Every structure is written in C-alpha cells, then in structure tokens.
C-alpha cells in the first residue's frame, strides 16, 4: 500500500506538470508569437493532467500508461523545434524543463511499480 501511495504522489506531480504545460504559453508569453506551439502545449498539457489523474486514482494499474506519459514528456522536449521554426529561449526552456520533469516522473513511477511487482 505504501508503494502505491508513492506512485500516486509521483503521478500527482504529473498532473501539476501537465497543468503547467497547458498554461505555459500564456505565462511565458509566447501564445501570440507561436500560436501553433501554444495549442500543442495546451493539448499535451490537458492530456498529461488527465492521464496523471487517472493514474493517481489507480496506481497499481498504471504501468502501461507510464509509457504514454513518457512519450508525451519527450514530445514536450522536441516540440519547440518540430512545431515552430525558430523558437526563442523562454519557449525552449519552458518546454524542455517541463518535458524532462514529466519524463523523470514517469520513469520514477515506473520504477516504483516494477520494484513493487518483484516483491
């Protein structure tokens, strides 16, 4: 029970990172200059928050969804260069840091679940 609570706590961090990704275009102020990246961040952020919510409710069944969260985190890292031609520094830093945190949270939750399955 204690280990699944740790997974739920990590997945709650995914919810926060997803919410940040969703509103980052307006807080970092690149929504007017890069509307395509703003929409991408909004959609990925809402997806991350929704997945994090589902995974925190049932952490013992969230092993497969961790891979999806990892892919969305990787997408956040590369999105400034794929979606936008010449991203500025604030855009890149916001997406790379958020994506790296999401990847780290996903790998941490997956590791906790894997050690739980071994025992």
C-alpha atoms as a PDB file:
ATOM      1  CA  UNK A   1       0.000   0.000   0.000  1.00  0.00           C
ATOM      2  CA  UNK A   2       2.831   2.375   0.840  1.00  0.00           C
ATOM      3  CA  UNK A   3       4.491   1.858  -2.530  1.00  0.00           C
ATOM      4  CA  UNK A   4       1.319   2.563  -4.493  1.00  0.00           C
ATOM      5  CA  UNK A   5       0.897   5.740  -2.444  1.00  0.00           C
ATOM      6  CA  UNK A   6       4.371   6.775  -3.621  1.00  0.00           C
ATOM      7  CA  UNK A   7       3.317   6.158  -7.209  1.00  0.00           C
ATOM      8  CA  UNK A   8       0.176   8.217  -6.679  1.00  0.00           C
ATOM      9  CA  UNK A   9       2.281  11.061  -5.281  1.00  0.00           C
ATOM     10  CA  UNK A  10       4.541  10.987  -8.340  1.00  0.00           C
ATOM     11  CA  UNK A  11       1.536  10.928 -10.643  1.00  0.00           C
ATOM     12  CA  UNK A  12       0.129  13.958  -8.860  1.00  0.00           C
ATOM     13  CA  UNK A  13       3.322  15.724  -9.907  1.00  0.00           C
ATOM     14  CA  UNK A  14       2.483  14.699 -13.483  1.00  0.00           C
ATOM     15  CA  UNK A  15      -0.865  16.470 -13.041  1.00  0.00           C
ATOM     16  CA  UNK A  16       0.915  19.661 -11.970  1.00  0.00           C
ATOM     17  CA  UNK A  17       3.403  19.418 -14.834  1.00  0.00           C
ATOM     18  CA  UNK A  18       0.513  18.889 -17.262  1.00  0.00           C
ATOM     19  CA  UNK A  19      -1.283  21.947 -15.942  1.00  0.00           C
ATOM     20  CA  UNK A  20       1.916  23.971 -16.293  1.00  0.00           C
ATOM     21  CA  UNK A  21       2.382  22.755 -19.874  1.00  0.00           C
ATOM     22  CA  UNK A  22      -1.214  23.723 -20.651  1.00  0.00           C
ATOM     23  CA  UNK A  23      -0.875  27.304 -19.360  1.00  0.00           C
ATOM     24  CA  UNK A  24       2.806  27.872 -20.161  1.00  0.00           C
ATOM     25  CA  UNK A  25       2.115  29.610 -23.464  1.00  0.00           C
ATOM     26  CA  UNK A  26       0.260  32.354 -21.658  1.00  0.00           C
ATOM     27  CA  UNK A  27       2.574  32.600 -18.646  1.00  0.00           C
ATOM     28  CA  UNK A  28       5.792  32.625 -20.662  1.00  0.00           C
ATOM     29  CA  UNK A  29       4.070  34.885 -23.238  1.00  0.00           C
ATOM     30  CA  UNK A  30       4.623  33.008 -26.472  1.00  0.00           C
ATOM     31  CA  UNK A  31       0.974  32.378 -27.309  1.00  0.00           C
ATOM     32  CA  UNK A  32       0.778  35.341 -29.722  1.00  0.00           C
ATOM     33  CA  UNK A  33       4.124  34.750 -31.399  1.00  0.00           C
ATOM     34  CA  UNK A  34       3.826  30.951 -31.627  1.00  0.00           C
ATOM     35  CA  UNK A  35       0.117  30.018 -31.623  1.00  0.00           C
ATOM     36  CA  UNK A  36       0.784  26.551 -33.061  1.00  0.00           C
ATOM     37  CA  UNK A  37       3.100  25.722 -30.161  1.00  0.00           C
ATOM     38  CA  UNK A  38       0.592  27.189 -27.702  1.00  0.00           C
ATOM     39  CA  UNK A  39      -2.100  24.837 -28.999  1.00  0.00           C
ATOM     40  CA  UNK A  40       0.297  21.881 -28.890  1.00  0.00           C
ATOM     41  CA  UNK A  41       1.239  22.651 -25.290  1.00  0.00           C
ATOM     42  CA  UNK A  42      -2.414  23.090 -24.350  1.00  0.00           C
ATOM     43  CA  UNK A  43      -3.443  19.731 -25.812  1.00  0.00           C
ATOM     44  CA  UNK A  44      -0.445  17.839 -24.405  1.00  0.00           C
ATOM     45  CA  UNK A  45      -0.842  19.523 -21.026  1.00  0.00           C
ATOM     46  CA  UNK A  46      -4.512  18.579 -20.754  1.00  0.00           C
ATOM     47  CA  UNK A  47      -3.669  15.019 -21.810  1.00  0.00           C
ATOM     48  CA  UNK A  48      -0.921  14.804 -19.189  1.00  0.00           C
ATOM     49  CA  UNK A  49      -3.181  16.168 -16.459  1.00  0.00           C
ATOM     50  CA  UNK A  50      -5.913  13.694 -17.400  1.00  0.00           C
ATOM     51  CA  UNK A  51      -3.524  10.749 -17.508  1.00  0.00           C
ATOM     52  CA  UNK A  52      -1.962  11.792 -14.218  1.00  0.00           C
ATOM     53  CA  UNK A  53      -5.398  11.976 -12.631  1.00  0.00           C
ATOM     54  CA  UNK A  54      -6.356   8.524 -13.899  1.00  0.00           C
ATOM     55  CA  UNK A  55      -3.044   7.042 -12.826  1.00  0.00           C
ATOM     56  CA  UNK A  56      -3.172   8.538  -9.360  1.00  0.00           C
ATOM     57  CA  UNK A  57      -6.613   7.027  -8.814  1.00  0.00           C
ATOM     58  CA  UNK A  58      -5.468   3.510  -9.730  1.00  0.00           C
ATOM     59  CA  UNK A  59      -1.664   3.414  -9.414  1.00  0.00           C
ATOM     60  CA  UNK A  60      -1.431  -0.379  -9.425  1.00  0.00           C
ATOM     61  CA  UNK A  61      -2.923  -0.465 -12.933  1.00  0.00           C
ATOM     62  CA  UNK A  62      -0.978   2.449 -14.380  1.00  0.00           C
ATOM     63  CA  UNK A  63       2.146   0.624 -15.576  1.00  0.00           C
ATOM     64  CA  UNK A  64       1.146   0.799 -19.238  1.00  0.00           C
ATOM     65  CA  UNK A  65       0.109   4.451 -19.081  1.00  0.00           C
ATOM     66  CA  UNK A  66       3.542   5.436 -17.798  1.00  0.00           C
ATOM     67  CA  UNK A  67       4.919   4.762 -21.266  1.00  0.00           C
ATOM     68  CA  UNK A  68       2.375   7.159 -22.781  1.00  0.00           C
ATOM     69  CA  UNK A  69       3.323   9.823 -20.230  1.00  0.00           C
ATOM     70  CA  UNK A  70       6.990   9.251 -21.095  1.00  0.00           C
ATOM     71  CA  UNK A  71       6.249   9.764 -24.795  1.00  0.00           C
ATOM     72  CA  UNK A  72       4.292  12.953 -24.085  1.00  0.00           C
ATOM     73  CA  UNK A  73       7.197  14.247 -21.997  1.00  0.00           C
ATOM     74  CA  UNK A  74       9.599  13.514 -24.847  1.00  0.00           C
ATOM     75  CA  UNK A  75       7.234  15.312 -27.225  1.00  0.00           C
ATOM     76  CA  UNK A  76       7.268  18.379 -24.974  1.00  0.00           C
ATOM     77  CA  UNK A  77      11.066  18.403 -25.210  1.00  0.00           C
ATOM     78  CA  UNK A  78      11.237  18.311 -29.010  1.00  0.00           C
ATOM     79  CA  UNK A  79       8.035  20.244 -29.792  1.00  0.00           C
ATOM     80  CA  UNK A  80       9.606  23.732 -29.979  1.00  0.00           C
ATOM     81  CA  UNK A  81      11.815  22.641 -32.876  1.00  0.00           C
ATOM     82  CA  UNK A  82       9.262  20.397 -34.601  1.00  0.00           C
ATOM     83  CA  UNK A  83       6.253  22.709 -34.422  1.00  0.00           C
ATOM     84  CA  UNK A  84       7.977  26.085 -34.586  1.00  0.00           C
ATOM     85  CA  UNK A  85      10.843  27.067 -36.885  1.00  0.00           C
ATOM     86  CA  UNK A  86      12.909  29.380 -34.688  1.00  0.00           C
ATOM     87  CA  UNK A  87      11.795  29.133 -31.053  1.00  0.00           C
ATOM     88  CA  UNK A  88      13.017  31.691 -28.553  1.00  0.00           C
ATOM     89  CA  UNK A  89      14.842  30.910 -25.328  1.00  0.00           C
ATOM     90  CA  UNK A  90      11.831  31.137 -22.995  1.00  0.00           C
ATOM     91  CA  UNK A  91       9.838  28.734 -25.133  1.00  0.00           C
ATOM     92  CA  UNK A  92      12.666  26.228 -25.311  1.00  0.00           C
ATOM     93  CA  UNK A  93      13.443  26.388 -21.593  1.00  0.00           C
ATOM     94  CA  UNK A  94       9.818  26.048 -20.573  1.00  0.00           C
ATOM     95  CA  UNK A  95       9.194  23.034 -22.789  1.00  0.00           C
ATOM     96  CA  UNK A  96      12.500  21.275 -22.151  1.00  0.00           C
ATOM     97  CA  UNK A  97      12.323  21.630 -18.367  1.00  0.00           C
ATOM     98  CA  UNK A  98       8.666  20.593 -18.242  1.00  0.00           C
ATOM     99  CA  UNK A  99       9.245  17.656 -20.590  1.00  0.00           C
ATOM    100  CA  UNK A 100      12.295  16.494 -18.641  1.00  0.00           C
ATOM    101  CA  UNK A 101      10.335  16.637 -15.383  1.00  0.00           C
ATOM    102  CA  UNK A 102       7.479  14.654 -16.922  1.00  0.00           C
ATOM    103  CA  UNK A 103       9.923  12.017 -18.206  1.00  0.00           C
ATOM    104  CA  UNK A 104      11.583  11.828 -14.795  1.00  0.00           C
ATOM    105  CA  UNK A 105       8.229  11.465 -13.035  1.00  0.00           C
ATOM    106  CA  UNK A 106       7.159   8.740 -15.441  1.00  0.00           C
ATOM    107  CA  UNK A 107      10.382   6.794 -15.023  1.00  0.00           C
ATOM    108  CA  UNK A 108      10.210   7.155 -11.244  1.00  0.00           C
ATOM    109  CA  UNK A 109       6.637   5.885 -11.088  1.00  0.00           C
ATOM    110  CA  UNK A 110       7.512   3.023 -13.423  1.00  0.00           C
ATOM    111  CA  UNK A 111      10.497   2.089 -11.275  1.00  0.00           C
ATOM    112  CA  UNK A 112       8.421   2.100  -8.110  1.00  0.00           C
ATOM    113  CA  UNK A 113       5.799  -0.103  -9.763  1.00  0.00           C
ATOM    114  CA  UNK A 114       8.440  -2.510 -11.084  1.00  0.00           C
ATOM    115  CA  UNK A 115      10.007  -2.944  -7.649  1.00  0.00           C
ATOM    116  CA  UNK A 116       6.515  -3.478  -6.204  1.00  0.00           C
ATOM    117  CA  UNK A 117       5.834  -6.232  -8.738  1.00  0.00           C
ATOM    118  CA  UNK A 118       9.093  -8.001  -7.825  1.00  0.00           C
ATOM    119  CA  UNK A 119       8.214  -8.205  -4.143  1.00  0.00           C
END
